[in-house]
Amino acid sequence: MIQFETNQAHDDLFNLFPKNELHEYLWEMLQGWMIFLTQREKDDMDIATRMYFYELLSHLLRHQYQKKQIEKDGPTSAKMDALCSAFIELLHPLAIYEHHVTSIRHLYLLLPHLSPSEHDELEKVVEFLASANEGHQVHCISASYLRKSLTEGNPYLWKEVLPSQTKYLSPNFEELPTLSPEDRKQIFTKAAERLEDGLDKAKEFQSLAKQTNLEMTPFLLHQSAEMALRAILMAWEKLEKKTHEMPMRIASHTEGWLFWAFHVANENQIMNT
């Protein structure tokens, strides 16, 4: 093992290398690592373990980078209050909730009913208004959709949106429902069951791909991958989507889905051993 006898400042990594270069170099290291492992005849589990290690390392570096940016130019309470006041004046939300996740401060604007196209257009404007600082994100949600989804037991919204702190309530707006520990356990247990059912269907396509001719193999593997993503979507957000609609949802939630799915799969593996 190579020993480095340097004594660098703890934040030199972020001061000397921009964010895009960090990701580029990490990717190059992973490629070299995978080539090395295949030459050492490592099995699939060894490679998968190292891939997960790489994901965790990337997540850690991203978290540290965001934390450094927040320390550098993070929003003050006064700025956040001013931003909320502007949203209240311009959008007349029914409520505003605030939720801290790792180093990001999320603001959820609960608005009267919006069509999908209206929501998408408004989200772009809100993102632009909040884009001056990386330390917070603002989300527009239909109040009726959020209340209905929470009542139906949407795991994603219960985990990502609540518990949130109330920052503003319009007159006559009722607080969002709460969740008991028993109900929470039931919601996430059912989500895990939906995930397992969907992944079983994906495995069926994978098995068929191993048995069929080479011309059909790419199609069946493609179907298997889409069925797996569909299973995560159905488990995590209770949304039934056709496989060709998957790219519409993947971009914004892939990381959260995969970490959650890995946690469920790992937990089930431990229980079965």
C-alpha atoms as a PDB file:
ATOM      1  CA  MET A   1       0.000   0.000   0.000  1.00  0.00           C
ATOM      2  CA  ILE A   2       1.289   3.460  -0.904  1.00  0.00           C
ATOM      3  CA  GLN A   3       1.860   5.724   2.097  1.00  0.00           C
ATOM      4  CA  PHE A   4       1.329   9.469   1.624  1.00  0.00           C
ATOM      5  CA  GLU A   5       3.051  11.668   4.177  1.00  0.00           C
ATOM      6  CA  THR A   6       1.288  14.884   3.266  1.00  0.00           C
ATOM      7  CA  ASN A   7      -0.580  17.034   5.744  1.00  0.00           C
ATOM      8  CA  GLN A   8      -3.166  18.842   3.653  1.00  0.00           C
ATOM      9  CA  ALA A   9      -5.887  21.123   4.945  1.00  0.00           C
ATOM     10  CA  HIS A  10      -9.138  19.227   5.534  1.00  0.00           C
ATOM     11  CA  ASP A  11     -11.040  21.192   2.878  1.00  0.00           C
ATOM     12  CA  ASP A  12      -8.371  21.196   0.137  1.00  0.00           C
ATOM     13  CA  LEU A  13     -10.345  18.597  -1.806  1.00  0.00           C
ATOM     14  CA  PHE A  14     -13.209  21.049  -2.280  1.00  0.00           C
ATOM     15  CA  ASN A  15     -11.043  24.161  -2.603  1.00  0.00           C
ATOM     16  CA  LEU A  16      -8.767  22.752  -5.309  1.00  0.00           C
ATOM     17  CA  PHE A  17     -11.201  20.685  -7.361  1.00  0.00           C
ATOM     18  CA  PRO A  18     -14.540  21.968  -8.693  1.00  0.00           C
ATOM     19  CA  LYS A  19     -17.618  19.800  -8.306  1.00  0.00           C
ATOM     20  CA  ASN A  20     -17.626  18.546 -11.911  1.00  0.00           C
ATOM     21  CA  GLU A  21     -13.986  17.438 -11.669  1.00  0.00           C
ATOM     22  CA  LEU A  22     -14.669  15.530  -8.443  1.00  0.00           C
ATOM     23  CA  HIS A  23     -17.366  13.494 -10.182  1.00  0.00           C
ATOM     24  CA  GLU A  24     -15.195  12.989 -13.272  1.00  0.00           C
ATOM     25  CA  TYR A  25     -12.215  11.693 -11.289  1.00  0.00           C
ATOM     26  CA  LEU A  26     -14.398   9.452  -9.143  1.00  0.00           C
ATOM     27  CA  TRP A  27     -15.909   7.968 -12.293  1.00  0.00           C
ATOM     28  CA  GLU A  28     -12.439   7.329 -13.743  1.00  0.00           C
ATOM     29  CA  MET A  29     -11.384   5.641 -10.502  1.00  0.00           C
ATOM     30  CA  LEU A  30     -14.471   3.412 -10.563  1.00  0.00           C
ATOM     31  CA  GLN A  31     -13.799   2.338 -14.164  1.00  0.00           C
ATOM     32  CA  GLY A  32     -10.212   1.424 -13.331  1.00  0.00           C
ATOM     33  CA  TRP A  33     -11.397  -0.385 -10.202  1.00  0.00           C
ATOM     34  CA  MET A  34     -13.923  -2.478 -12.147  1.00  0.00           C
ATOM     35  CA  ILE A  35     -11.298  -3.479 -14.715  1.00  0.00           C
ATOM     36  CA  PHE A  36      -8.929  -4.478 -11.895  1.00  0.00           C
ATOM     37  CA  LEU A  37     -11.626  -6.559 -10.177  1.00  0.00           C
ATOM     38  CA  THR A  38     -12.553  -8.457 -13.344  1.00  0.00           C
ATOM     39  CA  GLN A  39      -8.895  -9.342 -13.814  1.00  0.00           C
ATOM     40  CA  ARG A  40      -8.814 -10.676 -10.239  1.00  0.00           C
ATOM     41  CA  GLU A  41     -11.857 -12.870 -10.999  1.00  0.00           C
ATOM     42  CA  LYS A  42     -14.050 -11.385  -8.287  1.00  0.00           C
ATOM     43  CA  ASP A  43     -17.607 -12.698  -8.137  1.00  0.00           C
ATOM     44  CA  ASP A  44     -20.792 -10.641  -8.639  1.00  0.00           C
ATOM     45  CA  MET A  45     -21.281 -10.013  -4.910  1.00  0.00           C
ATOM     46  CA  ASP A  46     -17.746  -8.609  -4.554  1.00  0.00           C
ATOM     47  CA  ILE A  47     -18.327  -6.256  -7.464  1.00  0.00           C
ATOM     48  CA  ALA A  48     -21.798  -5.239  -6.219  1.00  0.00           C
ATOM     49  CA  THR A  49     -20.382  -4.485  -2.760  1.00  0.00           C
ATOM     50  CA  ARG A  50     -17.741  -2.218  -4.239  1.00  0.00           C
ATOM     51  CA  MET A  51     -20.318  -0.498  -6.440  1.00  0.00           C
ATOM     52  CA  TYR A  52     -22.360   0.248  -3.333  1.00  0.00           C
ATOM     53  CA  PHE A  53     -19.225   1.531  -1.596  1.00  0.00           C
ATOM     54  CA  TYR A  54     -18.686   3.870  -4.556  1.00  0.00           C
ATOM     55  CA  GLU A  55     -22.293   5.101  -4.297  1.00  0.00           C
ATOM     56  CA  LEU A  56     -21.885   5.826  -0.585  1.00  0.00           C
ATOM     57  CA  LEU A  57     -18.580   7.615  -1.193  1.00  0.00           C
ATOM     58  CA  SER A  58     -20.166   9.758  -3.906  1.00  0.00           C
ATOM     59  CA  HIS A  59     -23.088  10.535  -1.600  1.00  0.00           C
ATOM     60  CA  LEU A  60     -20.714  11.496   1.221  1.00  0.00           C
ATOM     61  CA  LEU A  61     -18.679  13.820  -0.994  1.00  0.00           C
ATOM     62  CA  ARG A  62     -21.846  15.406  -2.366  1.00  0.00           C
ATOM     63  CA  HIS A  63     -23.126  15.940   1.178  1.00  0.00           C
ATOM     64  CA  GLN A  64     -19.831  17.493   2.278  1.00  0.00           C
ATOM     65  CA  TYR A  65     -19.750  19.728  -0.791  1.00  0.00           C
ATOM     66  CA  GLN A  66     -23.284  20.954  -0.106  1.00  0.00           C
ATOM     67  CA  LYS A  67     -22.429  21.524   3.552  1.00  0.00           C
ATOM     68  CA  LYS A  68     -19.411  23.599   2.569  1.00  0.00           C
ATOM     69  CA  GLN A  69     -21.495  25.651   0.152  1.00  0.00           C
ATOM     70  CA  ILE A  70     -24.091  26.298   2.854  1.00  0.00           C
ATOM     71  CA  GLU A  71     -21.407  27.398   5.287  1.00  0.00           C
ATOM     72  CA  LYS A  72     -20.043  29.698   2.612  1.00  0.00           C
ATOM     73  CA  ASP A  73     -23.219  31.384   1.430  1.00  0.00           C
ATOM     74  CA  GLY A  74     -26.096  29.621   3.170  1.00  0.00           C
ATOM     75  CA  PRO A  75     -29.397  31.421   3.583  1.00  0.00           C
ATOM     76  CA  THR A  76     -30.006  33.214   6.845  1.00  0.00           C
ATOM     77  CA  SER A  77     -33.317  33.050   8.662  1.00  0.00           C
ATOM     78  CA  ALA A  78     -34.018  36.577   7.539  1.00  0.00           C
ATOM     79  CA  LYS A  79     -33.545  35.642   3.896  1.00  0.00           C
ATOM     80  CA  MET A  80     -35.798  32.623   4.267  1.00  0.00           C
ATOM     81  CA  ASP A  81     -38.469  34.701   5.973  1.00  0.00           C
ATOM     82  CA  ALA A  82     -38.269  37.249   3.161  1.00  0.00           C
ATOM     83  CA  LEU A  83     -38.586  34.492   0.569  1.00  0.00           C
ATOM     84  CA  CYS A  84     -41.632  33.053   2.334  1.00  0.00           C
ATOM     85  CA  SER A  85     -43.214  36.500   2.559  1.00  0.00           C
ATOM     86  CA  ALA A  86     -42.720  36.920  -1.174  1.00  0.00           C
ATOM     87  CA  PHE A  87     -44.335  33.560  -1.916  1.00  0.00           C
ATOM     88  CA  ILE A  88     -47.284  34.380   0.355  1.00  0.00           C
ATOM     89  CA  GLU A  89     -47.788  37.706  -1.420  1.00  0.00           C
ATOM     90  CA  LEU A  90     -47.377  36.356  -4.950  1.00  0.00           C
ATOM     91  CA  LEU A  91     -48.886  32.862  -4.806  1.00  0.00           C
ATOM     92  CA  HIS A  92     -51.344  32.985  -1.876  1.00  0.00           C
ATOM     93  CA  PRO A  93     -50.500  29.463  -0.668  1.00  0.00           C
ATOM     94  CA  LEU A  94     -52.782  27.633   1.718  1.00  0.00           C
ATOM     95  CA  ALA A  95     -49.772  26.690   3.822  1.00  0.00           C
ATOM     96  CA  ILE A  96     -45.988  26.562   3.838  1.00  0.00           C
ATOM     97  CA  TYR A  97     -44.076  23.759   5.541  1.00  0.00           C
ATOM     98  CA  GLU A  98     -40.356  23.569   6.190  1.00  0.00           C
ATOM     99  CA  HIS A  99     -38.304  20.373   6.439  1.00  0.00           C
ATOM    100  CA  HIS A 100     -34.544  19.938   6.988  1.00  0.00           C
ATOM    101  CA  VAL A 101     -33.063  16.906   5.228  1.00  0.00           C
ATOM    102  CA  THR A 102     -29.291  16.469   5.746  1.00  0.00           C
ATOM    103  CA  SER A 103     -27.906  19.870   4.749  1.00  0.00           C
ATOM    104  CA  ILE A 104     -30.847  21.044   2.619  1.00  0.00           C
ATOM    105  CA  ARG A 105     -33.749  23.136   3.833  1.00  0.00           C
ATOM    106  CA  HIS A 106     -36.927  22.253   1.916  1.00  0.00           C
ATOM    107  CA  LEU A 107     -39.915  24.554   1.652  1.00  0.00           C
ATOM    108  CA  TYR A 108     -43.221  23.003   0.585  1.00  0.00           C
ATOM    109  CA  LEU A 109     -45.793  25.417  -0.823  1.00  0.00           C
ATOM    110  CA  LEU A 110     -49.290  23.957  -0.482  1.00  0.00           C
ATOM    111  CA  LEU A 111     -51.397  25.525  -3.207  1.00  0.00           C
ATOM    112  CA  PRO A 112     -55.024  25.289  -4.341  1.00  0.00           C
ATOM    113  CA  HIS A 113     -55.768  22.703  -7.033  1.00  0.00           C
ATOM    114  CA  LEU A 114     -53.446  22.945 -10.022  1.00  0.00           C
ATOM    115  CA  SER A 115     -53.517  21.106 -13.313  1.00  0.00           C
ATOM    116  CA  PRO A 116     -50.309  19.184 -14.173  1.00  0.00           C
ATOM    117  CA  SER A 117     -49.326  21.790 -16.770  1.00  0.00           C
ATOM    118  CA  GLU A 118     -49.962  24.668 -14.336  1.00  0.00           C
ATOM    119  CA  HIS A 119     -47.926  22.902 -11.665  1.00  0.00           C
ATOM    120  CA  ASP A 120     -44.976  22.359 -14.030  1.00  0.00           C
ATOM    121  CA  GLU A 121     -44.953  25.986 -15.164  1.00  0.00           C
ATOM    122  CA  LEU A 122     -45.217  27.322 -11.614  1.00  0.00           C
ATOM    123  CA  GLU A 123     -42.476  24.961 -10.416  1.00  0.00           C
ATOM    124  CA  LYS A 124     -40.092  26.451 -12.995  1.00  0.00           C
ATOM    125  CA  VAL A 125     -40.796  29.980 -11.761  1.00  0.00           C
ATOM    126  CA  VAL A 126     -40.406  28.998  -8.109  1.00  0.00           C
ATOM    127  CA  GLU A 127     -37.156  27.163  -8.819  1.00  0.00           C
ATOM    128  CA  PHE A 128     -35.840  30.275 -10.557  1.00  0.00           C
ATOM    129  CA  LEU A 129     -36.767  32.508  -7.613  1.00  0.00           C
ATOM    130  CA  ALA A 130     -35.075  30.112  -5.185  1.00  0.00           C
ATOM    131  CA  SER A 131     -32.023  29.366  -7.335  1.00  0.00           C
ATOM    132  CA  ALA A 132     -29.750  32.011  -5.793  1.00  0.00           C
ATOM    133  CA  ASN A 133     -28.587  29.601  -3.109  1.00  0.00           C
ATOM    134  CA  GLU A 134     -27.918  25.852  -3.059  1.00  0.00           C
ATOM    135  CA  GLY A 135     -28.848  25.520   0.596  1.00  0.00           C
ATOM    136  CA  HIS A 136     -32.595  25.311   0.072  1.00  0.00           C
ATOM    137  CA  GLN A 137     -35.173  23.932  -2.333  1.00  0.00           C
ATOM    138  CA  VAL A 138     -38.774  24.982  -2.863  1.00  0.00           C
ATOM    139  CA  HIS A 139     -41.519  22.582  -3.970  1.00  0.00           C
ATOM    140  CA  CYS A 140     -45.075  23.290  -5.135  1.00  0.00           C
ATOM    141  CA  ILE A 141     -47.700  20.750  -4.083  1.00  0.00           C
ATOM    142  CA  SER A 142     -51.445  20.727  -4.536  1.00  0.00           C
ATOM    143  CA  ALA A 143     -52.896  20.787  -1.013  1.00  0.00           C
ATOM    144  CA  SER A 144     -55.791  18.467  -1.927  1.00  0.00           C
ATOM    145  CA  TYR A 145     -53.418  15.974  -3.591  1.00  0.00           C
ATOM    146  CA  LEU A 146     -51.058  15.992  -0.608  1.00  0.00           C
ATOM    147  CA  ARG A 147     -53.834  15.457   1.943  1.00  0.00           C
ATOM    148  CA  LYS A 148     -55.407  12.670  -0.151  1.00  0.00           C
ATOM    149  CA  SER A 149     -52.041  10.939  -0.714  1.00  0.00           C
ATOM    150  CA  LEU A 150     -51.122  11.104   2.961  1.00  0.00           C
ATOM    151  CA  THR A 151     -54.487   9.650   3.926  1.00  0.00           C
ATOM    152  CA  GLU A 152     -53.983   6.799   1.428  1.00  0.00           C
ATOM    153  CA  GLY A 153     -50.553   6.046   2.890  1.00  0.00           C
ATOM    154  CA  ASN A 154     -48.092   7.355   0.303  1.00  0.00           C
ATOM    155  CA  PRO A 155     -44.664   6.299   1.711  1.00  0.00           C
ATOM    156  CA  TYR A 156     -42.683   8.891  -0.231  1.00  0.00           C
ATOM    157  CA  LEU A 157     -44.708  11.841   1.025  1.00  0.00           C
ATOM    158  CA  TRP A 158     -44.764  10.581   4.612  1.00  0.00           C
ATOM    159  CA  LYS A 159     -40.991  10.175   4.612  1.00  0.00           C
ATOM    160  CA  GLU A 160     -39.878  13.172   2.520  1.00  0.00           C
ATOM    161  CA  VAL A 161     -42.511  15.827   3.264  1.00  0.00           C
ATOM    162  CA  LEU A 162     -43.470  14.970   6.831  1.00  0.00           C
ATOM    163  CA  PRO A 163     -42.547  15.535   9.551  1.00  0.00           C
ATOM    164  CA  SER A 164     -42.281  19.183   8.561  1.00  0.00           C
ATOM    165  CA  GLN A 165     -42.469  22.332  10.619  1.00  0.00           C
ATOM    166  CA  THR A 166     -45.369  24.663   9.945  1.00  0.00           C
ATOM    167  CA  LYS A 167     -44.059  27.984   8.670  1.00  0.00           C
ATOM    168  CA  TYR A 168     -47.305  29.560   7.504  1.00  0.00           C
ATOM    169  CA  LEU A 169     -50.995  28.669   7.591  1.00  0.00           C
ATOM    170  CA  SER A 170     -53.678  30.620   5.800  1.00  0.00           C
ATOM    171  CA  PRO A 171     -56.906  31.304   7.720  1.00  0.00           C
ATOM    172  CA  ASN A 172     -59.198  28.267   8.017  1.00  0.00           C
ATOM    173  CA  PHE A 173     -56.595  25.845   6.667  1.00  0.00           C
ATOM    174  CA  GLU A 174     -56.468  22.664   8.737  1.00  0.00           C
ATOM    175  CA  GLU A 175     -53.135  21.150   9.700  1.00  0.00           C
ATOM    176  CA  LEU A 176     -52.008  18.070   7.807  1.00  0.00           C
ATOM    177  CA  PRO A 177     -52.792  14.644   9.314  1.00  0.00           C
ATOM    178  CA  THR A 178     -50.370  12.948  11.679  1.00  0.00           C
ATOM    179  CA  LEU A 179     -49.149   9.361  11.622  1.00  0.00           C
ATOM    180  CA  SER A 180     -48.928   7.000  14.575  1.00  0.00           C
ATOM    181  CA  PRO A 181     -45.934   4.615  14.853  1.00  0.00           C
ATOM    182  CA  GLU A 182     -48.263   1.657  14.208  1.00  0.00           C
ATOM    183  CA  ASP A 183     -49.711   3.199  11.038  1.00  0.00           C
ATOM    184  CA  ARG A 184     -46.255   4.204   9.841  1.00  0.00           C
ATOM    185  CA  LYS A 185     -45.001   0.636  10.249  1.00  0.00           C
ATOM    186  CA  GLN A 186     -47.994  -0.693   8.326  1.00  0.00           C
ATOM    187  CA  ILE A 187     -47.518   1.775   5.459  1.00  0.00           C
ATOM    188  CA  PHE A 188     -43.862   0.901   4.962  1.00  0.00           C
ATOM    189  CA  THR A 189     -44.483  -2.833   5.399  1.00  0.00           C
ATOM    190  CA  LYS A 190     -47.027  -2.723   2.575  1.00  0.00           C
ATOM    191  CA  ALA A 191     -44.576  -0.701   0.469  1.00  0.00           C
ATOM    192  CA  ALA A 192     -41.940  -3.412   0.970  1.00  0.00           C
ATOM    193  CA  GLU A 193     -44.484  -6.062  -0.087  1.00  0.00           C
ATOM    194  CA  ARG A 194     -45.320  -4.118  -3.265  1.00  0.00           C
ATOM    195  CA  LEU A 195     -41.607  -3.847  -3.995  1.00  0.00           C
ATOM    196  CA  GLU A 196     -41.040  -7.592  -3.580  1.00  0.00           C
ATOM    197  CA  ASP A 197     -44.016  -8.448  -5.820  1.00  0.00           C
ATOM    198  CA  GLY A 198     -42.797  -6.119  -8.558  1.00  0.00           C
ATOM    199  CA  LEU A 199     -39.203  -7.322  -8.375  1.00  0.00           C
ATOM    200  CA  ASP A 200     -40.413 -10.934  -8.684  1.00  0.00           C
ATOM    201  CA  LYS A 201     -42.024 -10.003 -12.018  1.00  0.00           C
ATOM    202  CA  ALA A 202     -38.786  -8.342 -13.118  1.00  0.00           C
ATOM    203  CA  LYS A 203     -36.880 -11.524 -12.240  1.00  0.00           C
ATOM    204  CA  GLU A 204     -39.231 -13.536 -14.466  1.00  0.00           C
ATOM    205  CA  PHE A 205     -38.186 -11.464 -17.495  1.00  0.00           C
ATOM    206  CA  GLN A 206     -34.560 -11.836 -16.467  1.00  0.00           C
ATOM    207  CA  SER A 207     -34.927 -15.614 -16.310  1.00  0.00           C
ATOM    208  CA  LEU A 208     -36.575 -15.651 -19.740  1.00  0.00           C
ATOM    209  CA  ALA A 209     -33.673 -13.620 -21.126  1.00  0.00           C
ATOM    210  CA  LYS A 210     -31.264 -16.362 -20.047  1.00  0.00           C
ATOM    211  CA  GLN A 211     -33.317 -19.054 -21.779  1.00  0.00           C
ATOM    212  CA  THR A 212     -34.210 -17.406 -25.082  1.00  0.00           C
ATOM    213  CA  ASN A 213     -32.257 -16.729 -28.253  1.00  0.00           C
ATOM    214  CA  LEU A 214     -29.840 -13.815 -28.534  1.00  0.00           C
ATOM    215  CA  GLU A 215     -32.214 -11.708 -30.623  1.00  0.00           C
ATOM    216  CA  MET A 216     -34.790 -11.578 -27.830  1.00  0.00           C
ATOM    217  CA  THR A 217     -32.317 -11.169 -24.952  1.00  0.00           C
ATOM    218  CA  PRO A 218     -31.888  -7.345 -25.136  1.00  0.00           C
ATOM    219  CA  PHE A 219     -35.663  -6.831 -25.262  1.00  0.00           C
ATOM    220  CA  LEU A 220     -36.324  -9.085 -22.266  1.00  0.00           C
ATOM    221  CA  LEU A 221     -33.516  -7.524 -20.213  1.00  0.00           C
ATOM    222  CA  HIS A 222     -34.901  -4.084 -21.068  1.00  0.00           C
ATOM    223  CA  GLN A 223     -38.332  -5.216 -19.864  1.00  0.00           C
ATOM    224  CA  SER A 224     -36.800  -6.607 -16.682  1.00  0.00           C
ATOM    225  CA  ALA A 225     -35.093  -3.289 -15.898  1.00  0.00           C
ATOM    226  CA  GLU A 226     -38.260  -1.304 -16.556  1.00  0.00           C
ATOM    227  CA  MET A 227     -40.341  -3.683 -14.418  1.00  0.00           C
ATOM    228  CA  ALA A 228     -37.866  -3.250 -11.558  1.00  0.00           C
ATOM    229  CA  LEU A 229     -38.086   0.550 -11.780  1.00  0.00           C
ATOM    230  CA  ARG A 230     -41.847   0.310 -12.021  1.00  0.00           C
ATOM    231  CA  ALA A 231     -41.868  -1.808  -8.850  1.00  0.00           C
ATOM    232  CA  ILE A 232     -39.887   0.832  -6.970  1.00  0.00           C
ATOM    233  CA  LEU A 233     -42.196   3.572  -8.229  1.00  0.00           C
ATOM    234  CA  MET A 234     -45.306   1.652  -7.221  1.00  0.00           C
ATOM    235  CA  ALA A 235     -43.887   0.803  -3.802  1.00  0.00           C
ATOM    236  CA  TRP A 236     -42.466   4.238  -3.064  1.00  0.00           C
ATOM    237  CA  GLU A 237     -45.143   6.561  -4.480  1.00  0.00           C
ATOM    238  CA  LYS A 238     -48.102   4.236  -5.092  1.00  0.00           C
ATOM    239  CA  LEU A 239     -48.199   5.377  -8.710  1.00  0.00           C
ATOM    240  CA  GLU A 240     -49.176   2.891 -11.392  1.00  0.00           C
ATOM    241  CA  LYS A 241     -47.215   3.804 -14.524  1.00  0.00           C
ATOM    242  CA  LYS A 242     -46.814   2.094 -17.857  1.00  0.00           C
ATOM    243  CA  THR A 243     -43.222   1.105 -18.520  1.00  0.00           C
ATOM    244  CA  HIS A 244     -42.839   3.608 -21.386  1.00  0.00           C
ATOM    245  CA  GLU A 245     -43.726   6.421 -18.971  1.00  0.00           C
ATOM    246  CA  MET A 246     -40.873   5.578 -16.587  1.00  0.00           C
ATOM    247  CA  PRO A 247     -38.400   8.271 -17.810  1.00  0.00           C
ATOM    248  CA  MET A 248     -40.912  10.941 -16.738  1.00  0.00           C
ATOM    249  CA  ARG A 249     -40.419   9.978 -13.086  1.00  0.00           C
ATOM    250  CA  ILE A 250     -36.880   8.644 -12.938  1.00  0.00           C
ATOM    251  CA  ALA A 251     -34.871  11.861 -13.142  1.00  0.00           C
ATOM    252  CA  SER A 252     -35.937  13.478  -9.882  1.00  0.00           C
ATOM    253  CA  HIS A 253     -36.174  10.475  -7.547  1.00  0.00           C
ATOM    254  CA  THR A 254     -33.767   7.774  -8.702  1.00  0.00           C
ATOM    255  CA  GLU A 255     -31.253   8.184  -5.861  1.00  0.00           C
ATOM    256  CA  GLY A 256     -33.887   8.155  -3.125  1.00  0.00           C
ATOM    257  CA  TRP A 257     -35.647   5.154  -4.677  1.00  0.00           C
ATOM    258  CA  LEU A 258     -32.496   3.076  -5.042  1.00  0.00           C
ATOM    259  CA  PHE A 259     -31.193   3.755  -1.543  1.00  0.00           C
ATOM    260  CA  TRP A 260     -34.620   2.905  -0.128  1.00  0.00           C
ATOM    261  CA  ALA A 261     -34.894  -0.259  -2.257  1.00  0.00           C
ATOM    262  CA  PHE A 262     -31.403  -1.351  -1.213  1.00  0.00           C
ATOM    263  CA  HIS A 263     -32.325  -0.806   2.437  1.00  0.00           C
ATOM    264  CA  VAL A 264     -35.474  -2.934   2.073  1.00  0.00           C
ATOM    265  CA  ALA A 265     -33.640  -5.688   0.176  1.00  0.00           C
ATOM    266  CA  ASN A 266     -30.795  -5.728   2.693  1.00  0.00           C
ATOM    267  CA  GLU A 267     -33.220  -5.837   5.615  1.00  0.00           C
ATOM    268  CA  ASN A 268     -35.108  -8.748   4.068  1.00  0.00           C
ATOM    269  CA  GLN A 269     -31.856 -10.607   3.396  1.00  0.00           C
ATOM    270  CA  ILE A 270     -30.869 -10.286   7.053  1.00  0.00           C
ATOM    271  CA  MET A 271     -34.270 -11.552   8.183  1.00  0.00           C
ATOM    272  CA  ASN A 272     -33.999 -14.588   5.881  1.00  0.00           C
ATOM    273  CA  THR A 273     -30.530 -15.647   7.110  1.00  0.00           C
END
